[in-house]
Amino acid sequence: MSKPSVVVVGASGHARVILDIIRSEDRCEIVGLVDSFKPVGTELAGFRVLGDEAFLADAVRLGDIQGVIVGIGDNSIRSRITANLSAAVPGLTFFSAIHARATVSPDSVIGPGTVVMAGAVVNPGCTIGAGCIINTNASIDHDGRMDDFSSLAPACSTGGNVSIGTHAAIGIGAILFHAINVGEHTVIGGGAVVTRDIPPCSVAMGVPARVVRQREPGQRYL
């Protein structure tokens, strides 16, 4: 049986990692990249930018492409691009990508468009929403929840029964204690130790983590 053909949307560092993940899985055929801001022919990791969103719509209609993975690191931008693509190409399939060296319990659920990188661990009973990122060597323990378009940066870890709201971003090396709730659109700074719930639309940093300011949904954090 032939492998489904996919394109990666985006042509930056995060997209490079996703290309590596797809090759490690060896279940999809990479056709190339789609990027509205880089010239056709721009290369990344041996793959070329083929066109923009209009190109993608035509390719899906012609049957040349079966699905996409959105390779954008910023949660809100990834969400917006996903929504735009869904509107422009009705019925478009969003593939997940799970590195061959990630550990994902068969008792957990991974949503469409989610990326799980090398060394990551998803333990039993977890629910991972659509368009999430579980980055290199990050872990989410038993019965955890990540809502749509949230992310764990490299080497961050959570205890069990943690809930991470939509669009929330957990920074590099952060630690979330057992049963912590992180609100939607919240950013946890790198190296933070979260010992209590953090409300929505906040930026929290430090050991232990404390809210240092509020943030607007969609505000850049990378």
Protein backbone atom coordinates (compact mmCIF):
# COMPACT_ATOMS: atom_id res chain seq x y z
CA MET A 1 0.00 0.00 0.00
CA SER A 2 1.39 3.41 -0.93
CA LYS A 3 2.07 5.98 1.76
CA PRO A 4 -0.15 9.08 1.97
CA SER A 5 1.48 12.18 0.50
CA VAL A 6 1.79 15.20 2.80
CA VAL A 7 3.17 18.70 2.77
CA VAL A 8 4.56 20.62 5.72
CA VAL A 9 3.22 24.15 6.08
CA GLY A 10 6.09 26.43 7.05
CA ALA A 11 9.77 26.49 6.15
CA SER A 12 11.63 27.42 9.34
CA GLY A 13 13.43 25.58 12.14
CA HIS A 14 10.28 23.99 13.58
CA ALA A 15 9.34 22.69 10.14
CA ARG A 16 12.84 21.19 9.81
CA VAL A 17 12.25 19.15 12.97
CA ILE A 18 8.87 17.98 11.69
CA LEU A 19 10.46 16.81 8.44
CA ASP A 20 12.85 14.71 10.52
CA ILE A 21 9.95 13.26 12.53
CA ILE A 22 8.03 12.28 9.40
CA ARG A 23 11.10 10.53 8.00
CA SER A 24 11.61 8.69 11.31
CA GLU A 25 8.01 7.43 11.26
CA ASP A 26 8.25 6.35 7.62
CA ARG A 27 4.47 6.31 7.19
CA CYS A 28 4.01 9.36 4.95
CA GLU A 29 5.61 10.56 1.74
CA ILE A 30 6.80 14.17 1.99
CA VAL A 31 5.93 16.07 -1.18
CA GLY A 32 7.44 19.40 -0.10
CA LEU A 33 6.66 22.60 1.76
CA VAL A 34 3.96 25.26 1.58
CA ASP A 35 4.84 28.78 2.68
CA SER A 36 3.15 32.04 1.72
CA PHE A 37 6.17 34.16 2.73
CA LYS A 38 9.08 32.38 1.05
CA PRO A 39 9.80 32.11 -2.69
CA VAL A 40 8.91 28.95 -4.55
CA GLY A 41 12.02 26.78 -4.72
CA THR A 42 13.37 27.78 -1.29
CA GLU A 43 14.93 24.64 0.22
CA LEU A 44 14.81 23.26 3.75
CA ALA A 45 16.40 19.93 4.69
CA GLY A 46 16.31 18.80 1.07
CA PHE A 47 12.67 19.76 0.41
CA ARG A 48 11.44 22.70 -1.65
CA VAL A 49 8.72 25.27 -1.12
CA LEU A 50 6.14 24.35 -3.75
CA GLY A 51 3.78 27.31 -3.37
CA ASP A 52 1.31 29.03 -1.09
CA GLU A 53 -2.15 28.17 0.22
CA ALA A 54 -3.67 28.48 -3.26
CA PHE A 55 -1.20 25.87 -4.51
CA LEU A 56 -2.20 23.58 -1.64
CA ALA A 57 -5.91 23.87 -2.45
CA ASP A 58 -5.26 22.93 -6.09
CA ALA A 59 -2.99 20.02 -5.14
CA VAL A 60 -5.56 18.57 -2.72
CA ARG A 61 -8.34 18.95 -5.28
CA LEU A 62 -6.24 17.11 -7.89
CA GLY A 63 -5.44 14.33 -5.43
CA ASP A 64 -1.70 15.01 -5.39
CA ILE A 65 -1.67 15.64 -1.63
CA GLN A 66 -3.63 13.72 1.03
CA GLY A 67 -2.91 15.96 4.01
CA VAL A 68 -0.74 18.48 5.80
CA ILE A 69 1.18 19.08 9.00
CA VAL A 70 1.43 22.71 10.13
CA GLY A 71 5.06 23.35 11.05
CA ILE A 72 4.70 26.63 12.95
CA GLY A 73 6.04 26.86 16.50
CA ASP A 74 3.91 29.75 17.86
CA ASN A 75 0.63 28.33 19.20
CA SER A 76 -1.66 31.17 18.14
CA ILE A 77 -0.14 31.49 14.67
CA ARG A 78 -0.38 27.71 14.20
CA SER A 79 -4.04 27.85 15.23
CA ARG A 80 -4.80 30.70 12.84
CA ILE A 81 -3.07 29.03 9.90
CA THR A 82 -4.89 25.77 10.63
CA ALA A 83 -8.23 27.60 10.63
CA ASN A 84 -7.37 29.41 7.38
CA LEU A 85 -6.39 26.17 5.68
CA SER A 86 -9.54 24.42 6.90
CA ALA A 87 -11.67 27.23 5.44
CA ALA A 88 -9.77 27.32 2.14
CA VAL A 89 -9.63 23.55 1.67
CA PRO A 90 -12.81 21.93 3.08
CA GLY A 91 -12.17 18.42 4.34
CA LEU A 92 -8.39 18.87 4.52
CA THR A 93 -6.72 16.18 6.63
CA PHE A 94 -4.28 17.27 9.34
CA PHE A 95 -1.78 14.52 10.12
CA SER A 96 -0.08 14.07 13.46
CA ALA A 97 3.66 13.31 13.60
CA ILE A 98 5.17 11.17 16.35
CA HIS A 99 8.91 10.56 16.33
CA ALA A 100 10.00 6.93 16.27
CA ARG A 101 11.97 7.56 19.48
CA ALA A 102 9.03 9.08 21.38
CA THR A 103 7.11 6.97 23.91
CA VAL A 104 3.35 7.34 23.67
CA SER A 105 1.04 5.08 25.68
CA PRO A 106 -1.60 3.30 23.60
CA ASP A 107 -3.99 4.32 26.38
CA SER A 108 -3.60 8.00 25.47
CA VAL A 109 -5.23 10.01 22.69
CA ILE A 110 -3.27 12.24 20.30
CA GLY A 111 -5.28 14.82 18.33
CA PRO A 112 -4.87 15.64 14.64
CA GLY A 113 -2.03 17.95 13.71
CA THR A 114 -0.13 17.29 16.95
CA VAL A 115 3.65 16.80 16.90
CA VAL A 116 5.51 14.61 19.41
CA MET A 117 9.29 14.95 19.17
CA ALA A 118 12.22 12.65 19.89
CA GLY A 119 12.55 11.52 23.50
CA ALA A 120 9.11 12.81 24.52
CA VAL A 121 6.92 10.71 26.84
CA VAL A 122 3.11 10.65 26.96
CA ASN A 123 2.01 8.37 29.77
CA PRO A 124 -1.31 6.45 30.08
CA GLY A 125 -4.66 8.19 30.24
CA CYS A 126 -3.57 11.44 28.62
CA THR A 127 -5.69 13.45 26.20
CA ILE A 128 -3.68 15.59 23.81
CA GLY A 129 -5.75 17.96 21.67
CA ALA A 130 -5.40 19.10 18.07
CA GLY A 131 -2.36 21.03 16.90
CA CYS A 132 -0.30 20.55 20.07
CA ILE A 133 3.49 20.32 20.39
CA ILE A 134 5.26 17.98 22.82
CA ASN A 135 8.85 18.94 22.28
CA THR A 136 12.17 17.11 22.61
CA ASN A 137 12.48 15.14 25.90
CA ALA A 138 9.31 16.72 27.31
CA SER A 139 6.94 14.52 29.31
CA ILE A 140 3.34 14.56 30.42
CA ASP A 141 2.44 12.08 33.11
CA HIS A 142 -0.65 9.93 33.62
CA ASP A 143 -4.13 11.37 33.01
CA GLY A 144 -2.80 14.71 31.82
CA ARG A 145 -4.64 16.96 29.42
CA MET A 146 -3.38 19.40 26.80
CA ASP A 147 -6.08 21.41 25.08
CA ASP A 148 -5.87 22.38 21.41
CA PHE A 149 -2.80 24.33 20.23
CA SER A 150 -0.97 24.17 23.54
CA SER A 151 2.71 23.26 23.80
CA LEU A 152 5.41 21.78 26.01
CA ALA A 153 8.91 23.11 25.22
CA PRO A 154 12.02 20.87 25.34
CA ALA A 155 12.78 19.08 28.62
CA CYS A 156 9.73 20.34 30.52
CA SER A 157 7.79 17.83 32.59
CA THR A 158 4.47 17.52 34.36
CA GLY A 159 3.09 15.44 37.17
CA GLY A 160 -0.06 13.41 36.74
CA ASN A 161 -3.55 14.90 36.28
CA VAL A 162 -2.20 18.20 34.97
CA SER A 163 -4.45 20.31 32.72
CA ILE A 164 -2.97 22.75 30.21
CA GLY A 165 -5.39 25.19 28.56
CA THR A 166 -5.75 25.96 24.89
CA HIS A 167 -2.88 28.03 23.41
CA ALA A 168 -0.89 27.79 26.67
CA ALA A 169 2.88 27.47 26.28
CA ILE A 170 5.09 25.77 28.87
CA GLY A 171 8.71 26.97 28.59
CA ILE A 172 11.98 25.04 28.34
CA GLY A 173 12.76 22.94 31.39
CA ALA A 174 9.67 24.01 33.36
CA ILE A 175 8.18 21.62 35.92
CA LEU A 176 4.48 21.37 36.73
CA PHE A 177 3.54 19.66 39.98
CA HIS A 178 0.81 17.03 40.19
CA ALA A 179 -2.79 18.17 39.39
CA ILE A 180 -1.79 21.70 38.35
CA ASN A 181 -4.13 23.66 36.07
CA VAL A 182 -2.62 26.17 33.63
CA GLY A 183 -5.16 28.52 32.07
CA GLU A 184 -5.68 29.19 28.37
CA HIS A 185 -3.29 31.57 26.58
CA THR A 186 -0.89 31.44 29.54
CA VAL A 187 2.91 31.29 29.19
CA ILE A 188 5.10 29.56 31.77
CA GLY A 189 8.70 30.77 31.65
CA GLY A 190 11.67 28.51 31.09
CA GLY A 191 12.91 26.74 34.22
CA ALA A 192 9.85 27.67 36.27
CA VAL A 193 8.53 25.34 38.96
CA VAL A 194 4.74 25.53 39.06
CA THR A 195 3.35 24.54 42.46
CA ARG A 196 -0.11 26.12 42.20
CA ASP A 197 -2.72 26.80 39.51
CA ILE A 198 -1.95 29.61 37.06
CA PRO A 199 -4.91 31.63 35.71
CA PRO A 200 -5.67 32.28 32.03
CA CYS A 201 -3.87 34.96 30.01
CA SER A 202 -0.92 35.17 32.41
CA VAL A 203 2.85 35.04 32.25
CA ALA A 204 4.33 33.12 35.19
CA MET A 205 8.03 32.73 36.01
CA GLY A 206 10.37 31.71 38.79
CA VAL A 207 10.80 29.09 41.51
CA PRO A 208 8.13 28.77 42.66
CA ALA A 209 6.35 30.27 39.65
CA ARG A 210 4.42 33.50 40.19
CA VAL A 211 2.35 35.57 37.81
CA VAL A 212 4.46 38.52 36.67
CA ARG A 213 2.04 40.08 34.19
CA GLN A 214 -1.04 39.52 32.05
CA ARG A 215 -0.93 38.88 28.30
CA GLU A 216 -3.38 39.23 25.45
CA PRO A 217 -4.44 36.13 23.49
CA GLY A 218 -2.28 35.87 20.37
CA GLN A 219 0.56 37.97 21.78
CA ARG A 220 3.91 36.56 20.64
CA TYR A 221 6.02 34.75 23.19
CA LEU A 222 8.77 33.15 21.08
